[in-house]
Amino acid sequence: MQYDDTVDTERERDLEEIRKIIVQKIPHLTDGGLLFEPQEAEVIHEGTVGMLK
């Protein structure tokens, strides 16, 4: 019975981690260039990661 409880708890933990995943799409210009500079995209990414903690 403890094993089943542990498996259920681990499954819930895994599902919660999956729910935290956010796919960030950085927009591009019509010529294929990035809308943001790479440094700006990194700051956006770090901000999103910080929100998930």
N, C-alpha and C. Protein backbone atom coordinates (compact mmCIF):
# COMPACT_ATOMS: atom_id res chain seq x y z
N MET A 1 0.83 -1.20 0.00
CA MET A 1 0.00 0.00 0.00
C MET A 1 0.88 1.27 0.00
N GLN A 2 1.96 1.25 0.76
CA GLN A 2 2.87 2.40 0.77
C GLN A 2 3.50 2.60 -0.60
N TYR A 3 3.79 1.48 -1.26
CA TYR A 3 4.37 1.57 -2.60
C TYR A 3 3.42 2.29 -3.54
N ASP A 4 2.14 1.93 -3.51
CA ASP A 4 1.15 2.57 -4.37
C ASP A 4 1.03 4.06 -4.07
N ASP A 5 1.07 4.42 -2.79
CA ASP A 5 1.01 5.83 -2.40
C ASP A 5 2.23 6.58 -2.92
N THR A 6 3.39 5.94 -2.82
CA THR A 6 4.62 6.57 -3.29
C THR A 6 4.57 6.77 -4.81
N VAL A 7 4.10 5.77 -5.52
CA VAL A 7 4.00 5.87 -6.99
C VAL A 7 3.03 6.99 -7.36
N ASP A 8 1.90 7.07 -6.68
CA ASP A 8 0.92 8.13 -6.96
C ASP A 8 1.51 9.50 -6.69
N THR A 9 2.23 9.62 -5.57
CA THR A 9 2.85 10.91 -5.22
C THR A 9 3.88 11.30 -6.27
N GLU A 10 4.69 10.35 -6.68
CA GLU A 10 5.72 10.62 -7.69
C GLU A 10 5.07 11.01 -9.02
N ARG A 11 3.99 10.36 -9.38
CA ARG A 11 3.28 10.67 -10.62
C ARG A 11 2.73 12.10 -10.57
N GLU A 12 2.15 12.48 -9.45
CA GLU A 12 1.63 13.85 -9.29
C GLU A 12 2.75 14.87 -9.38
N ARG A 13 3.88 14.55 -8.79
CA ARG A 13 5.04 15.45 -8.84
C ARG A 13 5.51 15.62 -10.28
N ASP A 14 5.57 14.52 -11.02
CA ASP A 14 5.97 14.58 -12.42
C ASP A 14 4.99 15.42 -13.25
N LEU A 15 3.70 15.22 -13.02
CA LEU A 15 2.69 15.99 -13.75
C LEU A 15 2.81 17.48 -13.44
N GLU A 16 3.09 17.81 -12.21
CA GLU A 16 3.25 19.22 -11.83
C GLU A 16 4.45 19.83 -12.56
N GLU A 17 5.54 19.08 -12.67
CA GLU A 17 6.70 19.58 -13.39
C GLU A 17 6.38 19.80 -14.87
N ILE A 18 5.61 18.91 -15.44
CA ILE A 18 5.21 19.06 -16.85
C ILE A 18 4.36 20.31 -17.02
N ARG A 19 3.49 20.58 -16.06
CA ARG A 19 2.63 21.76 -16.15
C ARG A 19 3.43 23.06 -16.11
N LYS A 20 4.62 23.01 -15.54
CA LYS A 20 5.45 24.21 -15.41
C LYS A 20 6.17 24.57 -16.71
N ILE A 21 6.20 23.64 -17.64
CA ILE A 21 6.93 23.88 -18.88
C ILE A 21 6.19 24.92 -19.71
N ILE A 22 6.94 25.93 -20.11
CA ILE A 22 6.38 26.98 -20.97
C ILE A 22 7.24 27.06 -22.22
N VAL A 23 6.58 27.03 -23.34
CA VAL A 23 7.31 27.17 -24.59
C VAL A 23 7.27 28.64 -24.97
N GLN A 24 8.43 29.21 -25.09
CA GLN A 24 8.51 30.61 -25.47
C GLN A 24 8.87 30.70 -26.95
N LYS A 25 8.06 31.43 -27.66
CA LYS A 25 8.34 31.66 -29.07
C LYS A 25 8.72 33.12 -29.22
N ILE A 26 9.94 33.36 -29.65
CA ILE A 26 10.42 34.72 -29.88
C ILE A 26 10.03 35.08 -31.32
N PRO A 27 9.26 36.16 -31.47
CA PRO A 27 8.79 36.53 -32.81
C PRO A 27 9.94 36.92 -33.75
N HIS A 28 9.71 36.68 -35.00
CA HIS A 28 10.68 37.04 -36.04
C HIS A 28 10.08 38.11 -36.94
N LEU A 29 10.95 38.84 -37.58
CA LEU A 29 10.54 39.83 -38.57
C LEU A 29 10.26 39.13 -39.89
N THR A 30 9.66 39.84 -40.81
CA THR A 30 9.32 39.23 -42.11
C THR A 30 10.56 38.77 -42.88
N ASP A 31 11.71 39.38 -42.61
CA ASP A 31 12.94 38.95 -43.29
C ASP A 31 13.63 37.79 -42.58
N GLY A 32 13.01 37.26 -41.50
CA GLY A 32 13.57 36.12 -40.79
C GLY A 32 14.44 36.50 -39.61
N GLY A 33 14.73 37.79 -39.46
CA GLY A 33 15.54 38.23 -38.32
C GLY A 33 14.73 38.21 -37.03
N LEU A 34 15.45 38.12 -35.92
CA LEU A 34 14.79 38.14 -34.63
C LEU A 34 14.24 39.53 -34.31
N LEU A 35 13.08 39.57 -33.68
CA LEU A 35 12.50 40.83 -33.26
C LEU A 35 13.31 41.43 -32.11
N PHE A 36 13.81 40.54 -31.23
CA PHE A 36 14.63 40.98 -30.10
C PHE A 36 16.07 40.58 -30.32
N GLU A 37 16.98 41.31 -29.73
CA GLU A 37 18.38 40.93 -29.74
C GLU A 37 18.54 39.69 -28.87
N PRO A 38 19.54 38.86 -29.12
CA PRO A 38 19.73 37.66 -28.30
C PRO A 38 19.80 37.96 -26.79
N GLN A 39 20.43 39.07 -26.43
CA GLN A 39 20.52 39.42 -25.01
C GLN A 39 19.14 39.72 -24.43
N GLU A 40 18.28 40.36 -25.22
CA GLU A 40 16.92 40.66 -24.77
C GLU A 40 16.11 39.37 -24.61
N ALA A 41 16.27 38.45 -25.55
CA ALA A 41 15.56 37.17 -25.46
C ALA A 41 16.02 36.39 -24.23
N GLU A 42 17.29 36.49 -23.90
CA GLU A 42 17.81 35.82 -22.70
C GLU A 42 17.19 36.40 -21.43
N VAL A 43 17.04 37.71 -21.38
CA VAL A 43 16.42 38.35 -20.22
C VAL A 43 14.96 37.93 -20.10
N ILE A 44 14.25 37.86 -21.21
CA ILE A 44 12.85 37.40 -21.21
C ILE A 44 12.79 35.97 -20.67
N HIS A 45 13.70 35.13 -21.16
CA HIS A 45 13.73 33.74 -20.71
C HIS A 45 14.00 33.64 -19.22
N GLU A 46 15.00 34.37 -18.74
CA GLU A 46 15.33 34.33 -17.31
C GLU A 46 14.17 34.81 -16.46
N GLY A 47 13.44 35.81 -16.93
CA GLY A 47 12.28 36.29 -16.20
C GLY A 47 11.18 35.24 -16.10
N THR A 48 10.97 34.52 -17.18
CA THR A 48 9.96 33.47 -17.17
C THR A 48 10.38 32.33 -16.25
N VAL A 49 11.64 31.95 -16.30
CA VAL A 49 12.13 30.89 -15.41
C VAL A 49 11.97 31.33 -13.96
N GLY A 50 12.25 32.59 -13.67
CA GLY A 50 12.09 33.10 -12.31
C GLY A 50 10.65 33.02 -11.83
N MET A 51 9.70 33.23 -12.72
CA MET A 51 8.29 33.15 -12.34
C MET A 51 7.87 31.73 -11.99
N LEU A 52 8.56 30.75 -12.55
CA LEU A 52 8.20 29.36 -12.31
C LEU A 52 8.76 28.79 -11.02
N LYS A 53 9.66 29.52 -10.42
CA LYS A 53 10.27 29.01 -9.18
C LYS A 53 9.37 29.19 -8.01
